[in-house]
Each structure stands twice: as structure tokens, then as C-alpha cells.
Amino acid sequence: MNIEHKKIKIKDLVTEYNNDEKTGRVSAYSGMLDIRPAYQREFIYKDKQRDAVIQTVFNGFPLNVIYWAKTGNNTFEVLDGQQRTISICQYCNNEFSFKFKKFENLTKDEKSLILNYELDVYQCDGTDKEKLDWFKVINIAGEKLTDQELRNAVYAGTWLSDAKKRFSARNCHAERIAKDYLNGSCIRQDYLETAISWLASKKSIRIEEYMSQHQHDNNANDLWLYFCAVIEWVKSTFKGYRKEMKGVEWGFLYNEFGDKSVNIEEIENEIKKLMADEDVTSKKGIYEYVLSGRQKVLSIRAFTQNQKREAYERQNHRCPYCVNEGINKTWRIEEMEADHITPWHEGGRTISENCQMLCKEHNRRKGGI
């Protein structure tokens, strides 16, 4: 990684400042600086933070270091310091007042003080891996970039620009059709990360591999069509919406069960029964269970310590399976594990009368049957 320290005057920074609301691109420094690259969030300082930046400049005090990443011979993108940079550009563009004065209302000397202020800028140049590692270092303080924002920094391109329009902008298409089914925030790249992780899993590759393969595609139609198919499958497979559907890993379920025929009425009746079952502690897991039959996703309620002790004493500290095999050994309670006498899937409840204590060996064997 090659890092150069530069002193950049504000008058040079704000030259040709432009905020394109249609594309979301913000540029300055005679068009050579991309202030809001693909991985940056659309976040602007609040008035108090913004005013603190301008006050610092007026006082001639040093601002925190700003980092630029080199993208070409004479082009850069802001690596760290987006909000400070935008605050300065907006003030010099007369977009807000500081102490009841816009920039255009300042005296000649005051304007000169602002425009000749020198920013400490470190210009960084290196490989994708070096840039990614550096992003992580400089984001230790403050609000860190998410994993997906870091990936966006490395795999920026035509594909990502199109994907962000669909998954990452406020009121984007993904938010409109699927916000009730997804965790996180589109602005923090959570929707995009989720969609890519689902499709990458289907192809048995990592998110980074998928983004690398498609970085220079003209659009993200492949990801969008897949995502729409997942959401449509969810809506057509499960009758009605329940709050427990939010955050289920729908793409992984679609990859496994999307091409299988199901009885929608039977699924709905099973969901209703499981939602009312107090032994099912993970209601979110119900949706995977009705498709896969994997009981572990339900997190069936465990026996309490009192229930375990009651069964242990009732059995005289012996394992009933050992006794059936003619082994009359007594066990310490910590050497035993609680088990349903009548299995939960056969209607057995997690109550004292249905609890038995087995030695660990027999419980493992029973669980493997």
C-alpha cells in the first residue's frame, strides 16, 4: 500500500462540487473526487455536527485526517471523511447557514480564511486486498462499515451500481416488495447482502466470489429475478403473513424446496398448531420445520432443573435403559441428560411426567435412532 500525505486547500476541494440527485453521485475537486463511492452510506451530518466542522475551519484548528483512495491517474474516491467533506462543500455552495450567515454573506477576508484552509488528506493506492485491509483499519473508530459495505468498496462496478438501485436505496424495489420478510436496513446494505448470500449459496460459492464474477456485468438482472422468485414463492407457499416470517432465511429454503410441490392447506394447519404449541420456543423455525421436518430448528423447550431432579430421584439415580440391559449402575445427575419419554413429535409434552434421565451414552444412542 502506497500512502501519500497531501495538503488540499478547500478552494481546490470545492471546485466543481456537484450532487447529482438522480444518480446519487457526489463529486468535487474538479470532478476528480468521488465523495460518495459505491460502498458509502447516504448519510449526512446533523446540524450540530456540520456546524462543528465549519467552526473548526473558522478557528483554523485541524480537522481529523481524511483518506482518499486512488482510482486512476488523477482520480480518487473518499475512503474516510465523507460527511466532513460534504459539509464543507455544502457550506461553500451556500446550502446552509453557520451563525446566521451563508458563505456568500461572509466578508472577503472570511471567505479567504475558509478557502485557503488546508485539509490533511492521505491518498492511498494499492491492490484490492490492501485497500480492503486499510478500510478495516481506519473504520475502527466511529461507525464502522459493514461487511457488505467493505465488499462494495472492492467490487464496485456497473453490476453493483445497478444492484444498489434495486436493493440499497431508500424506498427501493426490494424494500417495497420484501421489507416484511427481511431483517436489517437497505441503506446499510443488509438487503443486498442477504440476496447475494442466498444466490451465492445456490451456486455453492461465497459472496465475494459471486461479486467478483459479476463485477463488470451491465446490470444485476440475474440477482433481481432470483430475489423476486424467492419472495413470490414465499407468498404463494404460506397463507397470510405473520410477524415470525420476518428474517427467516427464505432464499436457503427456496434453494432446497422451491421446486417441490406442497399442500398449502396442510402447511397452514401445521403452522397454526405449532404456533400454539408452548413447547416450540423458536416460532421463526416453524417455517423451516414444516418443509424439512428438522426438529432442531424449533428449539423445543428444555426440561427445567427441578423436572430433571424429580425424574432423577424417581429413577433412584439409575438409567432405565441401563436397567433394561441388566446394568444396575447409579449415576451422578451431571452424568445424565433429560429426555422425553414420549417424543415431542408423537405428542409428548415437556412436563415432569414425561421426563426421564438417561446416561449420556444411551441418550446419544437414542437420539441417533
Protein backbone atom coordinates (compact mmCIF):
# COMPACT_ATOMS: atom_id res chain seq x y z
CA MET A 1 0.00 0.00 0.00
CA ASN A 2 1.41 3.38 -1.05
CA ILE A 3 0.18 6.31 1.07
CA GLU A 4 0.95 9.97 0.30
CA HIS A 5 0.24 12.88 2.63
CA LYS A 6 -1.19 15.94 0.83
CA LYS A 7 -2.35 19.39 1.91
CA ILE A 8 -5.54 20.15 -0.04
CA LYS A 9 -6.96 23.69 0.13
CA ILE A 10 -10.72 23.99 0.49
CA LYS A 11 -10.89 26.21 -2.60
CA ASP A 12 -9.47 23.32 -4.64
CA LEU A 13 -11.69 20.74 -2.94
CA VAL A 14 -14.97 22.57 -3.66
CA THR A 15 -14.18 23.30 -7.30
CA GLU A 16 -16.95 21.81 -9.48
CA TYR A 17 -18.78 20.40 -6.48
CA ASN A 18 -21.84 18.53 -7.76
CA ASN A 19 -24.56 16.49 -6.09
CA ASP A 20 -26.49 14.54 -8.73
CA GLU A 21 -29.76 13.58 -7.03
CA LYS A 22 -30.76 11.25 -9.87
CA THR A 23 -27.68 9.05 -9.67
CA GLY A 24 -26.74 9.77 -6.04
CA ARG A 25 -23.18 10.61 -7.12
CA VAL A 26 -21.45 13.43 -5.28
CA SER A 27 -18.22 14.79 -6.76
CA ALA A 28 -15.77 17.68 -6.28
CA TYR A 29 -12.08 18.58 -6.75
CA SER A 30 -12.62 19.49 -10.42
CA GLY A 31 -14.59 16.29 -10.91
CA MET A 32 -11.63 14.13 -9.87
CA LEU A 33 -13.01 13.18 -6.41
CA ASP A 34 -15.93 10.79 -5.92
CA ILE A 35 -17.20 11.80 -2.49
CA ARG A 36 -19.83 9.09 -2.22
CA PRO A 37 -18.49 5.88 -3.79
CA ALA A 38 -20.49 2.67 -4.02
CA TYR A 39 -19.73 1.44 -0.50
CA GLN A 40 -20.54 4.68 1.34
CA ARG A 41 -23.90 5.22 3.04
CA GLU A 42 -26.19 8.09 2.12
CA PHE A 43 -25.64 9.75 5.47
CA ILE A 44 -25.25 13.47 6.17
CA TYR A 45 -24.15 15.10 9.43
CA LYS A 46 -26.82 16.61 11.64
CA ASP A 47 -26.75 20.39 12.06
CA LYS A 48 -24.70 20.29 15.26
CA GLN A 49 -22.01 18.03 13.73
CA ARG A 50 -21.97 20.02 10.50
CA ASP A 51 -21.59 23.33 12.37
CA ALA A 52 -18.73 21.86 14.39
CA VAL A 53 -16.84 21.20 11.13
CA ILE A 54 -17.29 24.80 9.94
CA GLN A 55 -16.39 26.20 13.37
CA THR A 56 -13.16 24.16 13.32
CA VAL A 57 -12.26 25.59 9.92
CA PHE A 58 -13.08 29.17 11.01
CA ASN A 59 -10.85 28.76 14.05
CA GLY A 60 -8.02 27.36 11.95
CA PHE A 61 -7.94 24.23 14.09
CA PRO A 62 -7.01 20.90 12.44
CA LEU A 63 -9.81 18.60 11.30
CA ASN A 64 -9.39 14.86 11.60
CA VAL A 65 -7.41 13.26 8.79
CA ILE A 66 -9.31 12.50 5.58
CA TYR A 67 -8.45 9.46 3.45
CA TRP A 68 -8.79 9.18 -0.32
CA ALA A 69 -8.30 6.02 -2.35
CA LYS A 70 -6.69 6.42 -5.75
CA THR A 71 -8.89 5.05 -8.57
CA GLY A 72 -6.93 6.28 -11.61
CA ASN A 73 -4.05 8.51 -12.65
CA ASN A 74 -5.76 11.63 -11.30
CA THR A 75 -8.99 10.35 -9.81
CA PHE A 76 -9.89 9.48 -6.24
CA GLU A 77 -12.74 8.39 -4.00
CA VAL A 78 -13.30 9.31 -0.37
CA LEU A 79 -12.32 6.41 1.81
CA ASP A 80 -13.00 8.11 5.14
CA GLY A 81 -14.30 11.64 5.76
CA GLN A 82 -17.38 11.73 3.56
CA GLN A 83 -19.53 13.76 5.97
CA ARG A 84 -16.81 16.31 6.71
CA THR A 85 -16.15 16.75 3.01
CA ILE A 86 -19.83 17.16 2.11
CA SER A 87 -20.37 19.62 4.98
CA ILE A 88 -17.55 21.84 3.70
CA CYS A 89 -18.76 21.64 0.09
CA GLN A 90 -22.36 22.37 1.03
CA TYR A 91 -21.39 25.41 3.09
CA CYS A 92 -19.25 26.85 0.30
CA ASN A 93 -22.15 26.17 -2.05
CA ASN A 94 -24.49 28.30 0.15
CA GLU A 95 -26.68 25.31 1.09
CA PHE A 96 -26.86 26.18 4.80
CA SER A 97 -26.03 28.98 7.22
CA PHE A 98 -23.49 28.99 10.01
CA LYS A 99 -24.14 31.51 12.80
CA PHE A 100 -26.88 33.02 10.60
CA LYS A 101 -24.52 33.58 7.68
CA LYS A 102 -24.23 31.72 4.42
CA PHE A 103 -20.86 31.61 2.69
CA GLU A 104 -21.96 34.28 0.21
CA ASN A 105 -22.66 36.66 3.12
CA LEU A 106 -19.13 36.46 4.53
CA THR A 107 -16.60 39.23 4.17
CA LYS A 108 -13.77 38.87 1.65
CA ASP A 109 -11.32 38.09 4.47
CA GLU A 110 -13.64 35.50 5.99
CA LYS A 111 -14.09 33.79 2.63
CA SER A 112 -10.34 33.77 2.12
CA LEU A 113 -9.88 32.22 5.56
CA ILE A 114 -12.20 29.36 4.60
CA LEU A 115 -10.97 28.81 1.04
CA ASN A 116 -7.28 28.78 1.98
CA TYR A 117 -7.74 26.36 4.87
CA GLU A 118 -5.63 23.24 4.26
CA LEU A 119 -7.06 19.77 4.83
CA ASP A 120 -4.83 16.86 5.79
CA VAL A 121 -5.51 14.23 3.13
CA TYR A 122 -3.84 10.85 2.82
CA GLN A 123 -4.05 9.42 -0.70
CA CYS A 124 -3.88 5.62 -0.69
CA ASP A 125 -3.03 3.36 -3.60
CA GLY A 126 -2.79 -0.43 -3.60
CA THR A 127 -4.34 -3.78 -4.52
CA ASP A 128 -7.97 -4.67 -3.76
CA LYS A 129 -6.87 -6.71 -0.74
CA GLU A 130 -4.65 -3.91 0.57
CA LYS A 131 -7.49 -1.41 0.19
CA LEU A 132 -9.92 -3.73 1.97
CA ASP A 133 -7.50 -4.23 4.85
CA TRP A 134 -6.95 -0.47 5.08
CA PHE A 135 -10.71 0.22 5.11
CA LYS A 136 -10.98 -2.04 8.15
CA VAL A 137 -8.14 -0.24 9.95
CA ILE A 138 -9.46 3.28 9.52
CA ASN A 139 -13.02 2.28 10.44
CA ILE A 140 -12.06 1.01 13.89
CA ALA A 141 -13.23 4.34 15.30
CA GLY A 142 -16.68 5.79 14.66
CA GLU A 143 -19.49 3.97 12.87
CA LYS A 144 -17.82 1.04 11.14
CA LEU A 145 -18.53 -0.09 7.62
CA THR A 146 -20.48 -3.34 7.49
CA ASP A 147 -19.04 -6.43 5.82
CA GLN A 148 -21.15 -5.76 2.74
CA GLU A 149 -20.08 -2.11 2.57
CA LEU A 150 -16.47 -3.29 2.62
CA ARG A 151 -17.22 -5.75 -0.19
CA ASN A 152 -18.86 -2.95 -2.17
CA ALA A 153 -15.65 -0.96 -1.87
CA VAL A 154 -13.62 -3.70 -3.52
CA TYR A 155 -16.09 -4.92 -6.15
CA ALA A 156 -17.52 -1.58 -7.27
CA GLY A 157 -18.59 -1.56 -10.91
CA THR A 158 -21.55 -1.46 -13.27
CA TRP A 159 -23.16 -4.54 -11.69
CA LEU A 160 -23.01 -3.08 -8.18
CA SER A 161 -24.37 0.30 -9.28
CA ASP A 162 -27.47 -1.40 -10.70
CA ALA A 163 -27.80 -3.75 -7.72
CA LYS A 164 -27.72 -0.82 -5.27
CA LYS A 165 -30.58 0.91 -7.10
CA ARG A 166 -32.72 -2.19 -6.56
CA PHE A 167 -31.59 -3.21 -3.06
CA SER A 168 -29.88 -0.31 -1.27
CA ALA A 169 -31.69 2.98 -1.86
CA ARG A 170 -34.50 4.32 0.30
CA ASN A 171 -37.86 3.02 -0.96
CA CYS A 172 -36.02 0.75 -3.40
CA HIS A 173 -37.79 -2.13 -5.18
CA ALA A 174 -36.55 -4.71 -2.66
CA GLU A 175 -37.86 -2.67 0.26
CA ARG A 176 -41.25 -2.25 -1.38
CA ILE A 177 -41.84 -5.95 -2.06
CA ALA A 178 -39.98 -7.64 0.79
CA LYS A 179 -39.31 -5.41 3.82
CA ASP A 180 -41.68 -7.53 5.93
CA TYR A 181 -39.59 -10.62 5.20
CA LEU A 182 -36.07 -9.22 5.66
CA ASN A 183 -34.03 -8.15 8.67
CA GLY A 184 -31.82 -5.07 8.70
CA SER A 185 -31.77 -1.92 6.59
CA CYS A 186 -31.46 -1.42 2.87
CA ILE A 187 -29.26 1.66 3.47
CA ARG A 188 -26.76 -0.43 5.46
CA GLN A 189 -26.61 -2.95 2.56
CA ASP A 190 -28.37 -5.68 4.56
CA TYR A 191 -30.93 -6.44 1.83
CA LEU A 192 -28.20 -6.65 -0.81
CA GLU A 193 -26.03 -8.89 1.35
CA THR A 194 -28.97 -11.20 2.07
CA ALA A 195 -29.94 -11.55 -1.59
CA ILE A 196 -26.36 -12.25 -2.71
CA SER A 197 -25.80 -14.75 0.09
CA TRP A 198 -28.90 -16.69 -0.98
CA LEU A 199 -27.95 -16.85 -4.65
CA ALA A 200 -24.27 -17.49 -3.94
CA SER A 201 -25.28 -20.41 -1.70
CA LYS A 202 -27.34 -21.88 -4.52
CA LYS A 203 -24.23 -21.79 -6.69
CA SER A 204 -22.06 -23.16 -3.83
CA ILE A 205 -19.78 -20.12 -3.82
CA ARG A 206 -19.02 -17.28 -1.40
CA ILE A 207 -20.49 -13.77 -1.64
CA GLU A 208 -17.09 -12.38 -2.65
CA GLU A 209 -16.80 -14.91 -5.47
CA TYR A 210 -20.22 -14.03 -6.82
CA MET A 211 -19.49 -10.29 -6.75
CA SER A 212 -16.11 -10.81 -8.41
CA GLN A 213 -17.66 -12.89 -11.20
CA HIS A 214 -20.33 -10.28 -11.95
CA GLN A 215 -18.46 -7.06 -11.10
CA HIS A 216 -18.42 -5.78 -14.69
CA ASP A 217 -21.82 -7.08 -15.84
CA ASN A 218 -24.04 -4.40 -17.34
CA ASN A 219 -26.82 -4.99 -14.79
CA ALA A 220 -27.92 -7.10 -11.83
CA ASN A 221 -30.94 -8.68 -13.51
CA ASP A 222 -29.82 -12.19 -12.52
CA LEU A 223 -29.84 -11.33 -8.82
CA TRP A 224 -33.07 -9.35 -9.02
CA LEU A 225 -35.04 -12.07 -10.89
CA TYR A 226 -33.83 -14.68 -8.42
CA PHE A 227 -34.79 -12.48 -5.44
CA CYS A 228 -38.27 -11.84 -6.88
CA ALA A 229 -38.74 -15.58 -7.41
CA VAL A 230 -37.85 -16.24 -3.76
CA ILE A 231 -40.33 -13.68 -2.42
CA GLU A 232 -43.09 -14.83 -4.78
CA TRP A 233 -42.53 -18.43 -3.66
CA VAL A 234 -42.83 -17.40 -0.01
CA LYS A 235 -46.07 -15.53 -0.60
CA SER A 236 -47.61 -18.38 -2.59
CA THR A 237 -46.47 -21.18 -0.27
CA PHE A 238 -47.54 -19.72 3.09
CA LYS A 239 -51.06 -18.38 3.58
CA GLY A 240 -51.19 -14.95 5.17
CA TYR A 241 -48.39 -13.02 6.87
CA ARG A 242 -47.18 -13.48 10.44
CA LYS A 243 -44.52 -11.36 12.15
CA GLU A 244 -42.44 -14.52 12.68
CA MET A 245 -41.80 -14.58 8.90
CA LYS A 246 -39.50 -11.57 9.16
CA GLY A 247 -35.85 -12.58 8.99
CA VAL A 248 -36.32 -16.22 8.01
CA GLU A 249 -33.58 -17.31 5.59
CA TRP A 250 -36.07 -17.65 2.76
CA GLY A 251 -33.52 -17.96 -0.02
CA PHE A 252 -31.88 -21.00 1.56
CA LEU A 253 -35.31 -22.67 1.91
CA TYR A 254 -36.19 -21.75 -1.68
CA ASN A 255 -32.92 -23.28 -2.91
CA GLU A 256 -33.81 -26.56 -1.17
CA PHE A 257 -37.58 -26.75 -1.51
CA GLY A 258 -38.58 -24.26 -4.22
CA ASP A 259 -39.06 -26.94 -6.88
CA LYS A 260 -41.04 -29.32 -4.66
CA SER A 261 -44.84 -29.47 -4.64
CA VAL A 262 -46.51 -28.85 -1.27
CA ASN A 263 -50.04 -28.90 0.13
CA ILE A 264 -50.62 -25.28 1.16
CA GLU A 265 -53.64 -26.09 3.35
CA GLU A 266 -51.76 -28.81 5.24
CA ILE A 267 -48.80 -26.48 5.76
CA GLU A 268 -51.05 -23.73 7.13
CA ASN A 269 -52.81 -26.12 9.54
CA GLU A 270 -49.44 -27.39 10.78
CA ILE A 271 -48.19 -23.82 11.27
CA LYS A 272 -51.28 -22.93 13.31
CA LYS A 273 -50.77 -25.97 15.55
CA LEU A 274 -47.08 -25.25 16.09
CA MET A 275 -47.67 -21.55 16.77
CA ALA A 276 -49.98 -22.57 19.62
CA ASP A 277 -47.55 -25.16 21.00
CA GLU A 278 -45.85 -23.72 24.08
CA ASP A 279 -43.02 -26.25 23.77
CA VAL A 280 -41.94 -24.63 20.49
CA THR A 281 -39.71 -21.76 21.61
CA SER A 282 -38.46 -20.76 18.13
CA LYS A 283 -41.60 -19.78 16.25
CA LYS A 284 -39.47 -18.50 13.38
CA GLY A 285 -38.13 -22.03 12.92
CA ILE A 286 -41.62 -23.33 12.20
CA TYR A 287 -41.33 -22.35 8.54
CA GLU A 288 -38.25 -24.47 8.00
CA TYR A 289 -39.70 -27.34 10.04
CA VAL A 290 -42.93 -27.68 8.02
CA LEU A 291 -40.80 -28.06 4.89
CA SER A 292 -37.87 -30.09 6.19
CA GLY A 293 -39.09 -31.88 9.32
CA ARG A 294 -35.85 -30.87 11.09
CA GLN A 295 -36.98 -30.67 14.70
CA LYS A 296 -33.87 -28.88 15.98
CA VAL A 297 -34.95 -25.61 14.30
CA LEU A 298 -37.93 -25.42 16.68
CA SER A 299 -35.77 -25.28 19.83
CA ILE A 300 -38.20 -27.47 21.77
CA ARG A 301 -38.47 -26.26 25.34
CA ALA A 302 -35.99 -27.98 27.65
CA PHE A 303 -36.86 -29.61 30.94
CA THR A 304 -36.21 -27.43 33.98
CA GLN A 305 -33.63 -28.29 36.63
CA ASN A 306 -36.46 -29.16 39.03
CA GLN A 307 -38.04 -31.52 36.50
CA LYS A 308 -34.67 -33.19 35.92
CA ARG A 309 -34.08 -33.60 39.66
CA GLU A 310 -37.58 -35.03 40.17
CA ALA A 311 -37.03 -37.67 37.45
CA TYR A 312 -33.53 -38.44 38.72
CA GLU A 313 -34.82 -39.16 42.24
CA ARG A 314 -37.84 -41.10 40.90
CA GLN A 315 -35.45 -43.39 38.99
CA ASN A 316 -33.21 -43.90 42.07
CA HIS A 317 -30.28 -42.39 40.17
CA ARG A 318 -30.40 -45.14 37.55
CA CYS A 319 -30.76 -45.01 33.78
CA PRO A 320 -33.82 -47.06 32.70
CA TYR A 321 -32.04 -48.18 29.53
CA CYS A 322 -29.10 -49.46 31.58
CA VAL A 323 -31.53 -51.30 33.88
CA ASN A 324 -33.21 -52.96 30.86
CA GLU A 325 -29.76 -54.23 29.83
CA GLY A 326 -29.11 -55.65 33.31
CA ILE A 327 -26.74 -52.84 34.32
CA ASN A 328 -27.66 -51.69 37.83
CA LYS A 329 -25.25 -48.73 37.96
CA THR A 330 -26.08 -45.50 39.76
CA TRP A 331 -25.13 -42.23 38.09
CA ARG A 332 -24.46 -38.71 39.31
CA ILE A 333 -27.04 -36.28 37.94
CA GLU A 334 -24.40 -34.38 35.96
CA GLU A 335 -23.60 -37.67 34.16
CA MET A 336 -27.16 -37.89 32.85
CA GLU A 337 -29.33 -35.98 30.38
CA ALA A 338 -33.06 -35.29 30.25
CA ASP A 339 -35.18 -36.98 27.60
CA HIS A 340 -38.85 -37.08 26.57
CA ILE A 341 -40.40 -40.48 27.40
CA THR A 342 -42.97 -39.95 24.67
CA PRO A 343 -41.18 -37.99 21.93
CA TRP A 344 -42.36 -34.45 21.27
CA HIS A 345 -43.22 -35.25 17.63
CA GLU A 346 -45.54 -38.01 18.89
CA GLY A 347 -47.39 -35.62 21.18
CA GLY A 348 -45.15 -35.85 24.24
CA ARG A 349 -45.07 -32.69 26.31
CA THR A 350 -42.21 -31.09 28.20
CA ILE A 351 -43.73 -31.84 31.62
CA SER A 352 -42.44 -33.67 34.69
CA GLU A 353 -44.46 -36.84 33.99
CA ASN A 354 -42.84 -37.13 30.55
CA CYS A 355 -39.25 -36.62 31.74
CA GLN A 356 -36.69 -39.37 32.14
CA MET A 357 -32.97 -39.13 32.88
CA LEU A 358 -30.68 -41.23 30.71
CA CYS A 359 -26.97 -41.80 30.93
CA LYS A 360 -25.20 -39.83 28.24
CA GLU A 361 -24.30 -42.94 26.24
CA HIS A 362 -27.90 -44.16 25.98
CA ASN A 363 -29.23 -40.68 25.29
CA ARG A 364 -26.79 -40.31 22.39
CA ARG A 365 -27.81 -43.74 21.04
CA LYS A 366 -31.50 -42.97 21.41
CA GLY A 367 -31.06 -39.65 19.65
CA GLY A 368 -29.36 -41.39 16.75
CA ILE A 369 -32.22 -43.83 16.18
